[in-house]
Amino acid sequence: MKSNIQSMRERIKNAPDMEALSKVNESLERLYNNGIFTAKQLLELDHELMHRSNVMRGYANIRASRNA
């Protein structure tokens, strides 16, 4: 059985676009506010979420520059 943090990491990793990643972020905030994650876990997951977001934006920029 997966832990909550493992499940959230999987959701971050599998988010196909920025909209989905935004929904994951909202879910992460709700779970933290309800005591599911500790502050340390929130920071770790937020770091992973921000990294994924930056990767997605980087790929979008590369695609845009190739089409210009």
N, C-alpha and C. Protein backbone atom coordinates (compact mmCIF):
# COMPACT_ATOMS: atom_id res chain seq x y z
N MET A 1 0.84 -1.18 0.00
CA MET A 1 0.00 0.00 0.00
C MET A 1 0.88 1.25 0.00
N LYS A 2 0.54 2.18 -0.85
CA LYS A 2 1.33 3.40 -0.96
C LYS A 2 1.01 4.36 0.17
N SER A 3 2.03 5.09 0.58
CA SER A 3 1.80 6.14 1.58
C SER A 3 1.23 7.37 0.88
N ASN A 4 0.71 8.29 1.66
CA ASN A 4 0.17 9.53 1.10
C ASN A 4 1.23 10.31 0.33
N ILE A 5 2.44 10.34 0.87
CA ILE A 5 3.50 11.10 0.22
C ILE A 5 3.91 10.43 -1.10
N GLN A 6 3.94 9.11 -1.13
CA GLN A 6 4.25 8.40 -2.38
C GLN A 6 3.18 8.66 -3.43
N SER A 7 1.94 8.66 -3.02
CA SER A 7 0.84 8.92 -3.96
C SER A 7 0.93 10.34 -4.51
N MET A 8 1.25 11.30 -3.66
CA MET A 8 1.35 12.69 -4.12
C MET A 8 2.54 12.85 -5.06
N ARG A 9 3.65 12.20 -4.76
CA ARG A 9 4.80 12.26 -5.67
C ARG A 9 4.44 11.70 -7.04
N GLU A 10 3.68 10.64 -7.06
CA GLU A 10 3.25 10.03 -8.31
C GLU A 10 2.33 10.98 -9.09
N ARG A 11 1.43 11.65 -8.38
CA ARG A 11 0.54 12.61 -9.03
C ARG A 11 1.33 13.76 -9.65
N ILE A 12 2.35 14.23 -8.93
CA ILE A 12 3.19 15.31 -9.45
C ILE A 12 3.91 14.83 -10.71
N LYS A 13 4.50 13.67 -10.63
CA LYS A 13 5.27 13.12 -11.74
C LYS A 13 4.41 12.88 -12.97
N ASN A 14 3.16 12.46 -12.78
CA ASN A 14 2.30 12.08 -13.89
C ASN A 14 1.41 13.20 -14.40
N ALA A 15 1.50 14.38 -13.82
CA ALA A 15 0.67 15.50 -14.29
C ALA A 15 1.07 15.83 -15.74
N PRO A 16 0.11 15.79 -16.67
CA PRO A 16 0.45 15.97 -18.09
C PRO A 16 0.63 17.42 -18.53
N ASP A 17 0.09 18.36 -17.74
CA ASP A 17 0.17 19.77 -18.14
C ASP A 17 0.07 20.67 -16.91
N MET A 18 0.17 21.98 -17.16
CA MET A 18 0.18 22.94 -16.05
C MET A 18 -1.16 22.97 -15.33
N GLU A 19 -2.24 22.77 -16.05
CA GLU A 19 -3.56 22.76 -15.41
C GLU A 19 -3.66 21.61 -14.41
N ALA A 20 -3.22 20.44 -14.80
CA ALA A 20 -3.23 19.28 -13.91
C ALA A 20 -2.31 19.51 -12.72
N LEU A 21 -1.17 20.13 -12.98
CA LEU A 21 -0.22 20.41 -11.90
C LEU A 21 -0.81 21.41 -10.91
N SER A 22 -1.58 22.35 -11.41
CA SER A 22 -2.25 23.32 -10.54
C SER A 22 -3.26 22.61 -9.63
N LYS A 23 -3.97 21.63 -10.17
CA LYS A 23 -4.92 20.86 -9.37
C LYS A 23 -4.20 20.04 -8.30
N VAL A 24 -3.04 19.50 -8.65
CA VAL A 24 -2.24 18.76 -7.68
C VAL A 24 -1.81 19.70 -6.55
N ASN A 25 -1.42 20.92 -6.91
CA ASN A 25 -1.01 21.90 -5.91
C ASN A 25 -2.17 22.23 -4.96
N GLU A 26 -3.37 22.42 -5.51
CA GLU A 26 -4.54 22.70 -4.68
C GLU A 26 -4.82 21.54 -3.73
N SER A 27 -4.70 20.34 -4.24
CA SER A 27 -4.91 19.14 -3.43
C SER A 27 -3.87 19.06 -2.31
N LEU A 28 -2.63 19.35 -2.65
CA LEU A 28 -1.55 19.34 -1.66
C LEU A 28 -1.84 20.32 -0.53
N GLU A 29 -2.28 21.51 -0.89
CA GLU A 29 -2.61 22.52 0.14
C GLU A 29 -3.74 22.04 1.04
N ARG A 30 -4.79 21.46 0.45
CA ARG A 30 -5.92 20.96 1.25
C ARG A 30 -5.47 19.86 2.20
N LEU A 31 -4.66 18.94 1.68
CA LEU A 31 -4.19 17.84 2.52
C LEU A 31 -3.32 18.34 3.67
N TYR A 32 -2.47 19.31 3.39
CA TYR A 32 -1.64 19.89 4.45
C TYR A 32 -2.52 20.57 5.50
N ASN A 33 -3.48 21.37 5.04
CA ASN A 33 -4.36 22.09 5.96
C ASN A 33 -5.20 21.15 6.81
N ASN A 34 -5.40 19.93 6.35
CA ASN A 34 -6.15 18.93 7.12
C ASN A 34 -5.25 17.98 7.91
N GLY A 35 -3.97 18.30 7.98
CA GLY A 35 -3.05 17.54 8.82
C GLY A 35 -2.54 16.24 8.24
N ILE A 36 -2.73 16.02 6.95
CA ILE A 36 -2.26 14.78 6.32
C ILE A 36 -0.75 14.80 6.15
N PHE A 37 -0.20 15.98 5.81
CA PHE A 37 1.25 16.12 5.63
C PHE A 37 1.82 17.05 6.69
N THR A 38 3.05 16.77 7.09
CA THR A 38 3.77 17.66 8.00
C THR A 38 4.34 18.82 7.20
N ALA A 39 4.82 19.84 7.89
CA ALA A 39 5.43 20.98 7.22
C ALA A 39 6.65 20.53 6.41
N LYS A 40 7.42 19.61 6.94
CA LYS A 40 8.60 19.10 6.22
C LYS A 40 8.18 18.38 4.94
N GLN A 41 7.15 17.56 5.02
CA GLN A 41 6.67 16.85 3.83
C GLN A 41 6.11 17.83 2.81
N LEU A 42 5.40 18.86 3.29
CA LEU A 42 4.87 19.88 2.39
C LEU A 42 6.00 20.56 1.62
N LEU A 43 7.06 20.91 2.31
CA LEU A 43 8.20 21.56 1.65
C LEU A 43 8.83 20.64 0.61
N GLU A 44 8.99 19.39 0.95
CA GLU A 44 9.57 18.43 0.00
C GLU A 44 8.69 18.29 -1.24
N LEU A 45 7.40 18.13 -1.03
CA LEU A 45 6.48 17.97 -2.16
C LEU A 45 6.36 19.25 -2.98
N ASP A 46 6.37 20.39 -2.29
CA ASP A 46 6.31 21.66 -3.00
C ASP A 46 7.55 21.85 -3.87
N HIS A 47 8.70 21.43 -3.36
CA HIS A 47 9.94 21.50 -4.15
C HIS A 47 9.80 20.64 -5.41
N GLU A 48 9.28 19.43 -5.27
CA GLU A 48 9.10 18.55 -6.42
C GLU A 48 8.09 19.14 -7.41
N LEU A 49 7.04 19.74 -6.87
CA LEU A 49 6.02 20.34 -7.72
C LEU A 49 6.61 21.52 -8.50
N MET A 50 7.39 22.35 -7.84
CA MET A 50 8.00 23.50 -8.52
C MET A 50 9.01 23.04 -9.57
N HIS A 51 9.75 22.01 -9.27
CA HIS A 51 10.71 21.47 -10.25
C HIS A 51 9.97 20.97 -11.49
N ARG A 52 8.89 20.23 -11.27
CA ARG A 52 8.09 19.72 -12.39
C ARG A 52 7.53 20.87 -13.23
N SER A 53 7.06 21.90 -12.54
CA SER A 53 6.52 23.08 -13.22
C SER A 53 7.59 23.75 -14.08
N ASN A 54 8.78 23.89 -13.53
CA ASN A 54 9.88 24.51 -14.29
C ASN A 54 10.27 23.66 -15.49
N VAL A 55 10.26 22.36 -15.35
CA VAL A 55 10.57 21.47 -16.46
C VAL A 55 9.53 21.63 -17.56
N MET A 56 8.25 21.65 -17.18
CA MET A 56 7.18 21.82 -18.17
C MET A 56 7.32 23.15 -18.90
N ARG A 57 7.60 24.20 -18.16
CA ARG A 57 7.75 25.52 -18.78
C ARG A 57 8.97 25.55 -19.71
N GLY A 58 10.02 24.87 -19.31
CA GLY A 58 11.22 24.81 -20.15
C GLY A 58 10.93 24.13 -21.47
N TYR A 59 10.22 23.00 -21.41
CA TYR A 59 9.87 22.31 -22.65
C TYR A 59 8.94 23.15 -23.51
N ALA A 60 8.01 23.87 -22.88
CA ALA A 60 7.11 24.74 -23.65
C ALA A 60 7.89 25.84 -24.35
N ASN A 61 8.91 26.39 -23.68
CA ASN A 61 9.74 27.42 -24.28
C ASN A 61 10.55 26.88 -25.44
N ILE A 62 11.06 25.68 -25.32
CA ILE A 62 11.84 25.06 -26.39
C ILE A 62 10.94 24.85 -27.61
N ARG A 63 9.74 24.31 -27.36
CA ARG A 63 8.81 24.08 -28.48
C ARG A 63 8.43 25.38 -29.15
N ALA A 64 8.22 26.43 -28.38
CA ALA A 64 7.84 27.73 -28.92
C ALA A 64 8.96 28.32 -29.76
N SER A 65 10.20 28.15 -29.30
CA SER A 65 11.33 28.72 -30.05
C SER A 65 11.57 27.96 -31.36
N ARG A 66 11.26 26.67 -31.36
CA ARG A 66 11.42 25.90 -32.60
C ARG A 66 10.35 26.25 -33.63
N ASN A 67 9.20 26.65 -33.15
CA ASN A 67 8.10 27.00 -34.06
C ASN A 67 8.14 28.46 -34.51
N ALA A 68 9.06 29.23 -33.94
CA ALA A 68 9.13 30.66 -34.28
C ALA A 68 9.87 30.89 -35.59
